Amino acid sequence: MMEKIKVKQAVVVEGKYDKIALKNVIDGVIITTDGFGVYRSEDKIKLIQMYAKSVGLIILTDSDTAGQQIRGRIKSLVGDAQIINVYCPVIFGKERRKDHASKEGKLGVEGMSVEVLREAFEKAGLSGDTEIVREPVTKQDMIALGLNGSPNSSALREKAAISLGLPAKLSSNALRDAVSTMMSRDAFIDFINKLKGAEK
């Protein structure tokens, strides 16, 4: 059996079944938002804020629209605390315990295999005791690459996100946060230029 990935940050997931799935992959604190509980529960909000200040957060939500909303809500609650975004790939299907697929037909965190979840953490630079420190992609980089502020920025962001196995509808800042944990700034610039070259 593969050794679990040790993380010092608290990992935030949506529900108890996500937590159960993740326990097979990581060794660390896992907090659940209980779906949209981060909008209502003062205790939940305080707990997340406490962990954000003390050890930092890793956010792993489902790749659907609700997951993106919850991710955004957590970010707004913790301000400039250290956050690492882990993204599950978009895989269509149905969780075994459910009778029907979700509204968008995408598998949630609980439906991901150990291998897929492990790969998602490794992509975010979390592979064990040592964290990979990379030069972050800047807002200026996003503008210069045409990923923000241009007429076709949204379409290019979507194409880039899909190519990287990320949710398609990411804002410029969310994409920037994600790629800053996945690859070096130079590698990202090279990747986008190649992606744009392939369009011509």
C-alpha atoms as a PDB file:
ATOM      1  CA  MET A   1       0.000   0.000   0.000  1.00  0.00           C
ATOM      2  CA  MET A   2       1.257   3.472  -0.905  1.00  0.00           C
ATOM      3  CA  GLU A   3       2.330   5.724   1.923  1.00  0.00           C
ATOM      4  CA  LYS A   4      -0.101   8.547   2.646  1.00  0.00           C
ATOM      5  CA  ILE A   5       0.862  12.099   1.753  1.00  0.00           C
ATOM      6  CA  LYS A   6       1.646  14.036   4.931  1.00  0.00           C
ATOM      7  CA  VAL A   7       0.245  17.568   4.910  1.00  0.00           C
ATOM      8  CA  LYS A   8       0.732  20.227   7.565  1.00  0.00           C
ATOM      9  CA  GLN A   9      -2.164  22.360   6.305  1.00  0.00           C
ATOM     10  CA  ALA A  10      -5.813  21.620   7.073  1.00  0.00           C
ATOM     11  CA  VAL A  11      -7.642  20.211   4.046  1.00  0.00           C
ATOM     12  CA  VAL A  12     -11.160  21.549   3.408  1.00  0.00           C
ATOM     13  CA  VAL A  13     -13.629  19.302   1.557  1.00  0.00           C
ATOM     14  CA  GLU A  14     -17.402  19.543   1.094  1.00  0.00           C
ATOM     15  CA  GLY A  15     -18.867  16.470   2.793  1.00  0.00           C
ATOM     16  CA  LYS A  16     -18.275  13.463   5.023  1.00  0.00           C
ATOM     17  CA  TYR A  17     -17.964  11.035   2.093  1.00  0.00           C
ATOM     18  CA  ASP A  18     -15.274  13.264   0.551  1.00  0.00           C
ATOM     19  CA  LYS A  19     -13.475  13.141   3.902  1.00  0.00           C
ATOM     20  CA  ILE A  20     -13.677   9.337   3.987  1.00  0.00           C
ATOM     21  CA  ALA A  21     -12.234   9.110   0.448  1.00  0.00           C
ATOM     22  CA  LEU A  22      -9.441  11.543   1.282  1.00  0.00           C
ATOM     23  CA  LYS A  23      -8.408   9.706   4.450  1.00  0.00           C
ATOM     24  CA  ASN A  24      -7.047   6.968   2.181  1.00  0.00           C
ATOM     25  CA  VAL A  25      -4.710   9.465   0.518  1.00  0.00           C
ATOM     26  CA  ILE A  26      -3.495  11.997   3.071  1.00  0.00           C
ATOM     27  CA  ASP A  27      -2.286  12.081   6.637  1.00  0.00           C
ATOM     28  CA  GLY A  28      -3.541  15.342   8.131  1.00  0.00           C
ATOM     29  CA  VAL A  29      -6.510  17.359   9.376  1.00  0.00           C
ATOM     30  CA  ILE A  30      -9.618  17.239   7.153  1.00  0.00           C
ATOM     31  CA  ILE A  31     -12.499  19.694   7.689  1.00  0.00           C
ATOM     32  CA  THR A  32     -15.877  19.453   5.945  1.00  0.00           C
ATOM     33  CA  THR A  33     -17.911  22.489   4.887  1.00  0.00           C
ATOM     34  CA  ASP A  34     -21.098  20.373   4.990  1.00  0.00           C
ATOM     35  CA  GLY A  35     -21.992  21.647   1.541  1.00  0.00           C
ATOM     36  CA  PHE A  36     -22.957  25.298   1.793  1.00  0.00           C
ATOM     37  CA  GLY A  37     -22.398  25.276   5.582  1.00  0.00           C
ATOM     38  CA  VAL A  38     -19.631  27.854   5.076  1.00  0.00           C
ATOM     39  CA  TYR A  39     -22.374  30.368   4.302  1.00  0.00           C
ATOM     40  CA  ARG A  40     -24.423  29.659   7.441  1.00  0.00           C
ATOM     41  CA  SER A  41     -22.476  28.077  10.288  1.00  0.00           C
ATOM     42  CA  GLU A  42     -20.520  30.559  12.417  1.00  0.00           C
ATOM     43  CA  ASP A  43     -18.694  27.675  14.123  1.00  0.00           C
ATOM     44  CA  LYS A  44     -17.610  26.233  10.779  1.00  0.00           C
ATOM     45  CA  ILE A  45     -16.446  29.648   9.578  1.00  0.00           C
ATOM     46  CA  LYS A  46     -14.427  30.255  12.774  1.00  0.00           C
ATOM     47  CA  LEU A  47     -12.833  26.802  12.546  1.00  0.00           C
ATOM     48  CA  ILE A  48     -11.735  27.347   8.941  1.00  0.00           C
ATOM     49  CA  GLN A  49     -10.401  30.829   9.768  1.00  0.00           C
ATOM     50  CA  MET A  50      -8.463  29.455  12.747  1.00  0.00           C
ATOM     51  CA  TYR A  51      -6.763  26.772  10.638  1.00  0.00           C
ATOM     52  CA  ALA A  52      -6.090  29.283   7.850  1.00  0.00           C
ATOM     53  CA  LYS A  53      -4.185  31.539  10.259  1.00  0.00           C
ATOM     54  CA  SER A  54      -2.312  28.786  12.081  1.00  0.00           C
ATOM     55  CA  VAL A  55      -1.270  26.250   9.435  1.00  0.00           C
ATOM     56  CA  GLY A  56      -2.817  27.344   6.123  1.00  0.00           C
ATOM     57  CA  LEU A  57      -5.498  25.609   4.072  1.00  0.00           C
ATOM     58  CA  ILE A  58      -5.688  23.173   1.200  1.00  0.00           C
ATOM     59  CA  ILE A  59      -9.030  23.453  -0.611  1.00  0.00           C
ATOM     60  CA  LEU A  60     -10.412  20.428  -2.463  1.00  0.00           C
ATOM     61  CA  THR A  61     -13.999  20.861  -3.653  1.00  0.00           C
ATOM     62  CA  ASP A  62     -15.980  19.124  -6.386  1.00  0.00           C
ATOM     63  CA  SER A  63     -15.303  20.306  -9.947  1.00  0.00           C
ATOM     64  CA  ASP A  64     -18.898  21.492 -10.477  1.00  0.00           C
ATOM     65  CA  THR A  65     -20.338  25.006 -10.149  1.00  0.00           C
ATOM     66  CA  ALA A  66     -21.281  24.517  -6.481  1.00  0.00           C
ATOM     67  CA  GLY A  67     -17.716  23.403  -5.739  1.00  0.00           C
ATOM     68  CA  GLN A  68     -16.338  26.557  -7.340  1.00  0.00           C
ATOM     69  CA  GLN A  69     -18.754  28.702  -5.304  1.00  0.00           C
ATOM     70  CA  ILE A  70     -17.725  27.020  -2.046  1.00  0.00           C
ATOM     71  CA  ARG A  71     -14.031  27.439  -2.947  1.00  0.00           C
ATOM     72  CA  GLY A  72     -14.636  31.145  -3.595  1.00  0.00           C
ATOM     73  CA  ARG A  73     -16.519  31.530  -0.313  1.00  0.00           C
ATOM     74  CA  ILE A  74     -13.664  29.966   1.682  1.00  0.00           C
ATOM     75  CA  LYS A  75     -11.150  32.288   0.013  1.00  0.00           C
ATOM     76  CA  SER A  76     -13.283  35.316   0.885  1.00  0.00           C
ATOM     77  CA  LEU A  77     -13.453  34.182   4.535  1.00  0.00           C
ATOM     78  CA  VAL A  78      -9.712  33.790   5.060  1.00  0.00           C
ATOM     79  CA  GLY A  79      -8.371  36.829   3.202  1.00  0.00           C
ATOM     80  CA  ASP A  80      -4.662  36.603   2.465  1.00  0.00           C
ATOM     81  CA  ALA A  81      -4.027  33.426   4.457  1.00  0.00           C
ATOM     82  CA  GLN A  82      -1.943  30.774   2.741  1.00  0.00           C
ATOM     83  CA  ILE A  83      -4.169  28.657   0.498  1.00  0.00           C
ATOM     84  CA  ILE A  84      -3.200  25.793  -1.784  1.00  0.00           C
ATOM     85  CA  ASN A  85      -5.851  24.841  -4.323  1.00  0.00           C
ATOM     86  CA  VAL A  86      -6.105  21.167  -5.239  1.00  0.00           C
ATOM     87  CA  TYR A  87      -8.369  20.466  -8.213  1.00  0.00           C
ATOM     88  CA  CYS A  88      -9.944  17.153  -9.135  1.00  0.00           C
ATOM     89  CA  PRO A  89     -10.128  16.444 -12.857  1.00  0.00           C
ATOM     90  CA  VAL A  90     -13.527  16.640 -14.527  1.00  0.00           C
ATOM     91  CA  ILE A  91     -14.753  13.042 -14.776  1.00  0.00           C
ATOM     92  CA  PHE A  92     -18.349  12.318 -15.736  1.00  0.00           C
ATOM     93  CA  GLY A  93     -20.145   9.563 -13.879  1.00  0.00           C
ATOM     94  CA  LYS A  94     -22.148   8.672 -10.777  1.00  0.00           C
ATOM     95  CA  GLU A  95     -21.028   7.871  -7.233  1.00  0.00           C
ATOM     96  CA  ARG A  96     -21.786   4.295  -6.201  1.00  0.00           C
ATOM     97  CA  ARG A  97     -23.923   5.246  -3.201  1.00  0.00           C
ATOM     98  CA  LYS A  98     -26.169   7.554  -5.261  1.00  0.00           C
ATOM     99  CA  ASP A  99     -29.145   6.579  -7.420  1.00  0.00           C
ATOM    100  CA  HIS A 100     -28.599   9.420  -9.868  1.00  0.00           C
ATOM    101  CA  ALA A 101     -25.666  11.441 -11.166  1.00  0.00           C
ATOM    102  CA  SER A 102     -25.266  15.034  -9.963  1.00  0.00           C
ATOM    103  CA  LYS A 103     -26.971  17.885 -11.835  1.00  0.00           C
ATOM    104  CA  GLU A 104     -23.860  18.479 -13.974  1.00  0.00           C
ATOM    105  CA  GLY A 105     -23.134  14.746 -14.254  1.00  0.00           C
ATOM    106  CA  LYS A 106     -19.630  15.100 -12.799  1.00  0.00           C
ATOM    107  CA  LEU A 107     -18.056  12.868 -10.188  1.00  0.00           C
ATOM    108  CA  GLY A 108     -17.392  14.567  -6.867  1.00  0.00           C
ATOM    109  CA  VAL A 109     -14.325  14.114  -4.677  1.00  0.00           C
ATOM    110  CA  GLU A 110     -15.910  11.032  -3.059  1.00  0.00           C
ATOM    111  CA  GLY A 111     -16.122   9.322  -6.461  1.00  0.00           C
ATOM    112  CA  MET A 112     -12.432   9.748  -7.285  1.00  0.00           C
ATOM    113  CA  SER A 113     -10.005   6.849  -6.987  1.00  0.00           C
ATOM    114  CA  VAL A 114      -7.066   6.968  -4.591  1.00  0.00           C
ATOM    115  CA  GLU A 115      -4.745   7.295  -7.601  1.00  0.00           C
ATOM    116  CA  VAL A 116      -6.642  10.280  -9.044  1.00  0.00           C
ATOM    117  CA  LEU A 117      -6.772  12.063  -5.673  1.00  0.00           C
ATOM    118  CA  ARG A 118      -3.093  11.406  -5.063  1.00  0.00           C
ATOM    119  CA  GLU A 119      -2.214  12.779  -8.496  1.00  0.00           C
ATOM    120  CA  ALA A 120      -4.306  15.911  -7.798  1.00  0.00           C
ATOM    121  CA  PHE A 121      -2.264  16.567  -4.632  1.00  0.00           C
ATOM    122  CA  GLU A 122       1.017  15.884  -6.425  1.00  0.00           C
ATOM    123  CA  LYS A 123       0.035  18.296  -9.228  1.00  0.00           C
ATOM    124  CA  ALA A 124      -0.422  20.977  -6.571  1.00  0.00           C
ATOM    125  CA  GLY A 125       3.134  20.366  -5.328  1.00  0.00           C
ATOM    126  CA  LEU A 126       2.033  18.301  -2.317  1.00  0.00           C
ATOM    127  CA  SER A 127       3.774  14.974  -2.463  1.00  0.00           C
ATOM    128  CA  GLY A 128       4.974  14.426   1.087  1.00  0.00           C
ATOM    129  CA  ASP A 129       7.174  16.135   3.637  1.00  0.00           C
ATOM    130  CA  THR A 130       8.736  18.600   1.231  1.00  0.00           C
ATOM    131  CA  GLU A 131       6.725  21.254  -0.506  1.00  0.00           C
ATOM    132  CA  ILE A 132       7.710  22.428  -3.946  1.00  0.00           C
ATOM    133  CA  VAL A 133       8.264  26.185  -3.918  1.00  0.00           C
ATOM    134  CA  ARG A 134       7.708  27.790  -7.308  1.00  0.00           C
ATOM    135  CA  GLU A 135       7.819  31.324  -8.658  1.00  0.00           C
ATOM    136  CA  PRO A 136       4.142  32.294  -8.914  1.00  0.00           C
ATOM    137  CA  VAL A 137       2.394  33.390 -12.089  1.00  0.00           C
ATOM    138  CA  THR A 138       1.480  37.096 -11.727  1.00  0.00           C
ATOM    139  CA  LYS A 139      -1.610  39.086 -12.725  1.00  0.00           C
ATOM    140  CA  GLN A 140       0.609  40.878 -15.261  1.00  0.00           C
ATOM    141  CA  ASP A 141       1.561  37.502 -16.767  1.00  0.00           C
ATOM    142  CA  MET A 142      -2.118  36.633 -17.183  1.00  0.00           C
ATOM    143  CA  ILE A 143      -2.780  39.913 -19.025  1.00  0.00           C
ATOM    144  CA  ALA A 144       0.368  39.600 -21.183  1.00  0.00           C
ATOM    145  CA  LEU A 145      -0.606  36.039 -22.153  1.00  0.00           C
ATOM    146  CA  GLY A 146      -4.121  37.131 -23.119  1.00  0.00           C
ATOM    147  CA  LEU A 147      -5.768  35.200 -20.283  1.00  0.00           C
ATOM    148  CA  ASN A 148      -7.271  38.332 -18.772  1.00  0.00           C
ATOM    149  CA  GLY A 149      -8.542  41.611 -20.212  1.00  0.00           C
ATOM    150  CA  SER A 150      -8.771  40.489 -23.861  1.00  0.00           C
ATOM    151  CA  PRO A 151     -11.918  39.717 -25.904  1.00  0.00           C
ATOM    152  CA  ASN A 152     -11.121  35.989 -26.085  1.00  0.00           C
ATOM    153  CA  SER A 153      -9.585  35.669 -22.585  1.00  0.00           C
ATOM    154  CA  SER A 154     -12.453  33.560 -21.257  1.00  0.00           C
ATOM    155  CA  ALA A 155     -12.230  31.073 -24.160  1.00  0.00           C
ATOM    156  CA  LEU A 156      -8.436  30.824 -23.823  1.00  0.00           C
ATOM    157  CA  ARG A 157      -8.687  30.296 -20.048  1.00  0.00           C
ATOM    158  CA  GLU A 158     -11.239  27.538 -20.621  1.00  0.00           C
ATOM    159  CA  LYS A 159      -8.996  25.837 -23.195  1.00  0.00           C
ATOM    160  CA  ALA A 160      -5.977  26.105 -20.875  1.00  0.00           C
ATOM    161  CA  ALA A 161      -7.930  24.794 -17.874  1.00  0.00           C
ATOM    162  CA  ILE A 162      -9.279  21.783 -19.790  1.00  0.00           C
ATOM    163  CA  SER A 163      -5.790  20.999 -21.164  1.00  0.00           C
ATOM    164  CA  LEU A 164      -4.458  21.000 -17.589  1.00  0.00           C
ATOM    165  CA  GLY A 165      -7.268  18.804 -16.241  1.00  0.00           C
ATOM    166  CA  LEU A 166      -8.841  21.673 -14.279  1.00  0.00           C
ATOM    167  CA  PRO A 167     -12.493  22.778 -14.125  1.00  0.00           C
ATOM    168  CA  ALA A 168     -13.309  24.685 -17.327  1.00  0.00           C
ATOM    169  CA  LYS A 169     -14.955  27.805 -15.892  1.00  0.00           C
ATOM    170  CA  LEU A 170     -12.156  29.264 -13.760  1.00  0.00           C
ATOM    171  CA  SER A 171     -11.729  33.000 -13.241  1.00  0.00           C
ATOM    172  CA  SER A 172      -8.370  34.528 -14.124  1.00  0.00           C
ATOM    173  CA  ASN A 173      -7.319  34.595 -10.450  1.00  0.00           C
ATOM    174  CA  ALA A 174      -8.461  31.017  -9.802  1.00  0.00           C
ATOM    175  CA  LEU A 175      -6.550  29.735 -12.844  1.00  0.00           C
ATOM    176  CA  ARG A 176      -3.482  31.714 -11.778  1.00  0.00           C
ATOM    177  CA  ASP A 177      -3.643  30.236  -8.252  1.00  0.00           C
ATOM    178  CA  ALA A 178      -4.018  26.715  -9.603  1.00  0.00           C
ATOM    179  CA  VAL A 179      -1.182  26.836 -12.133  1.00  0.00           C
ATOM    180  CA  SER A 180       1.162  28.505  -9.639  1.00  0.00           C
ATOM    181  CA  THR A 181       0.989  25.304  -7.589  1.00  0.00           C
ATOM    182  CA  MET A 182       1.192  22.988 -10.618  1.00  0.00           C
ATOM    183  CA  MET A 183       4.140  24.270 -12.637  1.00  0.00           C
ATOM    184  CA  SER A 184       6.836  26.916 -12.801  1.00  0.00           C
ATOM    185  CA  ARG A 185       6.024  30.368 -14.167  1.00  0.00           C
ATOM    186  CA  ASP A 186       8.298  29.777 -17.185  1.00  0.00           C
ATOM    187  CA  ALA A 187       6.669  26.414 -17.924  1.00  0.00           C
ATOM    188  CA  PHE A 188       3.204  28.003 -17.771  1.00  0.00           C
ATOM    189  CA  ILE A 189       4.173  30.851 -20.121  1.00  0.00           C
ATOM    190  CA  ASP A 190       5.642  28.287 -22.528  1.00  0.00           C
ATOM    191  CA  PHE A 191       2.509  26.119 -22.229  1.00  0.00           C
ATOM    192  CA  ILE A 192       0.147  29.024 -23.049  1.00  0.00           C
ATOM    193  CA  ASN A 193       2.261  30.202 -25.982  1.00  0.00           C
ATOM    194  CA  LYS A 194       2.224  26.662 -27.414  1.00  0.00           C
ATOM    195  CA  LEU A 195      -1.542  26.453 -26.837  1.00  0.00           C
ATOM    196  CA  LYS A 196      -2.046  29.734 -28.712  1.00  0.00           C
ATOM    197  CA  GLY A 197       0.303  28.548 -31.473  1.00  0.00           C
ATOM    198  CA  ALA A 198      -1.809  25.423 -31.947  1.00  0.00           C
ATOM    199  CA  GLU A 199      -4.882  27.615 -32.549  1.00  0.00           C
ATOM    200  CA  LYS A 200      -3.356  29.368 -35.553  1.00  0.00           C
END
